[in-house]
Protein backbone atom coordinates (compact mmCIF):
# COMPACT_ATOMS: atom_id res chain seq x y z
CA UNK A 1 3.94 26.61 10.39
CA UNK A 2 1.46 24.27 8.69
CA UNK A 3 -0.30 21.29 10.18
CA UNK A 4 2.12 18.83 8.69
CA UNK A 5 5.14 20.76 10.01
CA UNK A 6 3.50 20.83 13.49
CA UNK A 7 3.01 17.04 13.30
CA UNK A 8 6.64 16.46 12.30
CA UNK A 9 7.90 18.66 15.11
CA UNK A 10 5.77 16.71 17.66
CA UNK A 11 6.71 13.36 16.17
CA UNK A 12 10.42 14.16 16.38
CA UNK A 13 10.13 14.65 20.17
CA UNK A 14 9.54 10.88 20.39
CA UNK A 15 13.10 10.35 19.00
CA UNK A 16 12.05 7.23 17.09
CA UNK A 17 14.77 5.92 14.81
CA UNK A 18 12.83 4.28 12.09
CA UNK A 19 14.33 4.32 8.59
CA UNK A 20 11.04 3.84 6.76
CA UNK A 21 9.54 6.92 8.43
CA UNK A 22 12.70 9.03 8.19
CA UNK A 23 13.03 8.25 4.54
CA UNK A 24 9.55 9.53 3.80
CA UNK A 25 10.15 12.71 5.85
CA UNK A 26 13.39 13.37 4.01
CA UNK A 27 11.80 12.86 0.61
CA UNK A 28 8.97 15.21 1.50
CA UNK A 29 11.45 17.92 2.56
CA UNK A 30 13.23 17.55 -0.75
CA UNK A 31 10.00 17.60 -2.76
CA UNK A 32 8.76 20.64 -0.95
CA UNK A 33 11.70 22.56 -2.41
CA UNK A 34 11.24 21.35 -5.96
CA UNK A 35 8.38 18.93 -6.56
CA UNK A 36 8.31 16.58 -9.54
CA UNK A 37 6.04 13.65 -10.47
CA UNK A 38 9.01 11.32 -10.03
CA UNK A 39 9.50 12.47 -6.46
CA UNK A 40 5.76 12.09 -5.86
CA UNK A 41 5.90 8.47 -6.99
CA UNK A 42 8.87 7.71 -4.70
CA UNK A 43 7.08 9.25 -1.73
CA UNK A 44 3.95 7.20 -2.44
CA UNK A 45 6.02 4.01 -2.41
CA UNK A 46 7.79 5.11 0.74
CA UNK A 47 4.46 5.75 2.52
CA UNK A 48 3.18 2.29 1.65
CA UNK A 49 6.40 0.72 2.92
CA UNK A 50 6.13 2.27 6.35
CA UNK A 51 6.42 -0.31 9.18
CA UNK A 52 6.73 0.21 12.95
CA UNK A 53 7.62 -2.04 15.84
CA UNK A 54 5.16 -2.74 18.69
CA UNK A 55 7.09 -0.42 20.96
CA UNK A 56 7.01 2.35 18.36
CA UNK A 57 3.25 1.85 17.93
CA UNK A 58 2.79 2.29 21.66
CA UNK A 59 4.84 5.48 21.69
CA UNK A 60 2.96 6.97 18.74
CA UNK A 61 -0.41 6.11 20.18
CA UNK A 62 0.50 7.59 23.58
CA UNK A 63 1.57 10.80 21.82
CA UNK A 64 -1.27 11.27 19.35
CA UNK A 65 -4.00 8.72 20.08
CA UNK A 66 -5.97 10.59 22.67
CA UNK A 67 -6.52 13.58 20.32
CA UNK A 68 -7.87 11.71 17.30
CA UNK A 69 -11.17 9.95 16.96
CA UNK A 70 -9.99 7.41 14.43
CA UNK A 71 -6.82 6.50 16.36
CA UNK A 72 -8.32 3.90 18.75
CA UNK A 73 -5.36 1.62 19.54
CA UNK A 74 -1.61 1.21 18.93
CA UNK A 75 -2.60 -1.11 16.08
CA UNK A 76 -3.72 1.97 14.09
CA UNK A 77 -0.24 3.62 14.26
CA UNK A 78 0.81 2.67 10.73
CA UNK A 79 -2.48 3.87 9.24
CA UNK A 80 -2.25 7.10 11.27
CA UNK A 81 1.25 7.81 9.94
CA UNK A 82 0.32 7.00 6.37
CA UNK A 83 -2.67 9.34 6.54
CA UNK A 84 -0.50 12.16 7.86
CA UNK A 85 2.01 11.71 5.05
CA UNK A 86 -0.68 11.28 2.40
CA UNK A 87 -2.30 14.59 3.32
CA UNK A 88 1.01 16.34 2.79
CA UNK A 89 1.53 14.35 -0.40
CA UNK A 90 -1.82 15.65 -1.71
CA UNK A 91 -0.59 19.23 -1.33
CA UNK A 92 2.57 18.36 -3.25
CA UNK A 93 0.53 16.67 -5.99
CA UNK A 94 -1.63 19.78 -6.34
CA UNK A 95 1.47 21.79 -7.07
CA UNK A 96 2.47 19.49 -9.96
CA UNK A 97 -1.15 19.03 -11.27
CA UNK A 98 -1.91 22.75 -11.29
CA UNK A 99 1.28 24.16 -12.77
CA UNK A 100 0.25 26.33 -15.65
CA UNK A 101 1.48 25.80 -19.22
CA UNK A 102 2.95 28.85 -20.97
CA UNK A 103 0.93 28.00 -24.06
CA UNK A 104 -2.25 28.45 -22.07
CA UNK A 105 -1.21 31.95 -20.99
CA UNK A 106 -0.29 32.88 -24.52
CA UNK A 107 -3.59 31.49 -25.84
CA UNK A 108 -5.93 33.32 -23.54
CA UNK A 109 -4.02 36.59 -24.02
CA UNK A 110 -4.42 36.16 -27.81
CA UNK A 111 -8.13 35.42 -27.39
CA UNK A 112 -8.55 38.61 -25.43
CA UNK A 113 -6.63 40.76 -27.92
CA UNK A 114 -8.41 39.27 -30.92
CA UNK A 115 -11.71 40.30 -29.32
CA UNK A 116 -10.31 43.73 -28.35
CA UNK A 117 -11.28 43.19 -24.71
CA UNK A 118 -9.40 44.94 -21.93
CA UNK A 119 -8.32 43.05 -18.80
CA UNK A 120 -10.90 44.94 -16.84
CA UNK A 121 -13.68 43.90 -19.23
CA UNK A 122 -12.68 40.24 -19.04
CA UNK A 123 -12.48 40.34 -15.28
CA UNK A 124 -15.93 41.85 -15.06
CA UNK A 125 -17.47 39.37 -17.48
CA UNK A 126 -15.84 36.36 -15.86
CA UNK A 127 -16.51 37.55 -12.32
CA UNK A 128 -12.79 37.50 -11.44
CA UNK A 129 -10.35 40.06 -10.22
CA UNK A 130 -8.32 42.20 -12.68
CA UNK A 131 -5.07 41.12 -11.03
CA UNK A 132 -5.89 37.48 -11.34
CA UNK A 133 -6.60 37.69 -15.13
CA UNK A 134 -3.45 39.73 -15.60
CA UNK A 135 -1.28 37.27 -13.75
CA UNK A 136 -2.88 34.31 -15.45
CA UNK A 137 -1.93 35.79 -18.83
CA UNK A 138 1.60 36.32 -17.62
CA UNK A 139 1.91 32.76 -16.39
CA UNK A 140 2.37 33.96 -12.81
CA UNK A 141 -0.52 31.97 -11.45
CA UNK A 142 -0.95 28.25 -10.85
CA UNK A 143 -3.10 26.32 -13.30
CA UNK A 144 -6.76 27.35 -13.31
CA UNK A 145 -9.48 25.10 -12.03
CA UNK A 146 -12.21 23.69 -14.30
CA UNK A 147 -14.64 26.37 -13.04
CA UNK A 148 -12.30 29.17 -14.08
CA UNK A 149 -11.62 27.61 -17.47
CA UNK A 150 -15.33 27.27 -17.98
CA UNK A 151 -15.90 30.95 -17.25
CA UNK A 152 -13.15 32.04 -19.63
CA UNK A 153 -14.54 29.78 -22.33
CA UNK A 154 -17.92 31.53 -21.95
CA UNK A 155 -16.30 34.97 -22.07
CA UNK A 156 -14.34 34.19 -25.22
CA UNK A 157 -17.11 32.02 -26.77
CA UNK A 158 -14.78 29.03 -27.39
CA UNK A 159 -15.41 25.36 -26.49
CA UNK A 160 -14.48 24.41 -22.98
CA UNK A 161 -12.71 21.43 -24.45
CA UNK A 162 -10.32 23.69 -26.33
CA UNK A 163 -9.17 25.55 -23.28
CA UNK A 164 -8.92 22.27 -21.32
CA UNK A 165 -6.66 20.79 -23.99
CA UNK A 166 -4.43 23.83 -24.11
CA UNK A 167 -4.21 23.89 -20.30
CA UNK A 168 -3.34 20.19 -20.31
CA UNK A 169 -6.33 19.20 -18.26
CA UNK A 170 -8.93 16.50 -18.60
CA UNK A 171 -12.52 17.50 -19.25
CA UNK A 172 -14.04 16.75 -15.84
CA UNK A 173 -15.52 18.45 -12.83
CA UNK A 174 -14.00 16.09 -10.29
CA UNK A 175 -12.92 17.43 -6.98
CA UNK A 176 -11.19 15.93 -3.99
CA UNK A 177 -13.36 15.00 -1.02
CA UNK A 178 -11.73 17.59 1.27
CA UNK A 179 -12.12 20.31 -1.35
CA UNK A 180 -15.88 19.65 -1.64
CA UNK A 181 -16.59 19.43 2.07
CA UNK A 182 -14.37 22.25 3.31
CA UNK A 183 -14.72 24.69 0.39
CA UNK A 184 -18.48 25.07 0.48
CA UNK A 185 -21.28 25.17 3.04
CA UNK A 186 -22.67 21.62 3.27
CA UNK A 187 -26.23 20.82 4.25
CA UNK A 188 -27.92 17.48 5.02
CA UNK A 189 -31.68 17.61 5.05
CA UNK A 190 -31.65 21.33 5.68
CA UNK A 191 -29.03 21.19 8.51
CA UNK A 192 -25.70 22.84 7.79
CA UNK A 193 -22.66 20.90 8.95
CA UNK A 194 -20.46 22.47 11.57
CA UNK A 195 -16.64 22.47 11.13
CA UNK A 196 -16.43 19.63 13.63
CA UNK A 197 -19.01 17.64 11.70
CA UNK A 198 -17.12 18.24 8.48
CA UNK A 199 -13.95 16.83 10.14
CA UNK A 200 -15.82 13.76 11.24
CA UNK A 201 -17.47 13.32 7.81
CA UNK A 202 -14.08 13.33 6.11
CA UNK A 203 -12.64 10.88 8.70
CA UNK A 204 -15.64 8.59 8.33
CA UNK A 205 -15.60 8.44 4.53
CA UNK A 206 -11.82 8.04 4.56
CA UNK A 207 -12.06 5.21 7.15
CA UNK A 208 -14.60 3.40 5.00
CA UNK A 209 -12.57 3.83 1.84
CA UNK A 210 -9.31 2.65 3.45
CA UNK A 211 -10.71 -0.28 5.40
CA UNK A 212 -9.15 -3.61 4.40
CA UNK A 213 -12.45 -5.45 4.95
CA UNK A 214 -10.77 -8.82 5.36
CA UNK A 215 -11.09 -11.42 8.10
CA UNK A 216 -10.25 -8.72 10.67
CA UNK A 217 -12.91 -6.35 9.38
CA UNK A 218 -14.52 -6.26 12.85
CA UNK A 219 -11.75 -3.83 13.79
CA UNK A 220 -12.63 -1.58 10.89
CA UNK A 221 -16.35 -1.84 11.78
CA UNK A 222 -15.55 -0.78 15.34
CA UNK A 223 -13.62 2.24 14.20
CA UNK A 224 -16.34 3.20 11.74
CA UNK A 225 -19.07 2.86 14.33
CA UNK A 226 -17.10 4.99 16.79
CA UNK A 227 -16.89 7.75 14.12
CA UNK A 228 -20.63 7.49 13.50
CA UNK A 229 -21.25 7.69 17.25
CA UNK A 230 -19.12 10.80 17.55
CA UNK A 231 -20.96 12.38 14.60
CA UNK A 232 -24.38 11.65 16.07
CA UNK A 233 -23.29 13.18 19.37
CA UNK A 234 -22.46 16.45 17.63
CA UNK A 235 -26.01 16.46 16.24
CA UNK A 236 -27.43 16.18 19.68
CA UNK A 237 -25.49 19.22 20.87
CA UNK A 238 -26.67 21.38 17.92
CA UNK A 239 -30.40 20.83 18.52
């Protein structure tokens, strides 16, 4: 069971009957079976439309608030729910964004055969596994990342732009915040971040990005300062 499924299971114990929340959960279940861009868009709108009553906010805060640094009061309930659903939505979006085009599989197979390379030779030159290259050519893998496309372009001596175009991808090296922070060891001034510090770093940057910064921005500032305080405390324990 994934983190989202665990959250849903816990949330359902509250027995909250809220159509805006239930609609989003239902749409996510449906998209999980067969995700499409149209379904993604509907879920996005549903997430933004989530509203809860004061009593529901209190129930949600009592259930989840004590465990989460960024969940400081019942007033944060809507934001908490939206963040939970958006994280699941990101996983669904990845499945649509990374679906491989059959033309890409055909193209890289032709490139290999034209150059009379074996699968093992390509795997060795690209620094990938034999099975990955084989399944990529058969269209049995999800769409490759920019880094993989770049390696294949070097192996076959073709422009990266060509492979990107065939794969239906933009020419960019962008990555999601979570991918960058969790996928690699991260150091700040020679100090490597611990898993807990990575969690707080993601929460902090997300809180800054999602803050409304209007006349009530003092609430956002308080939440951000609390996150900074929690992060600094972890530094003290690592010294």
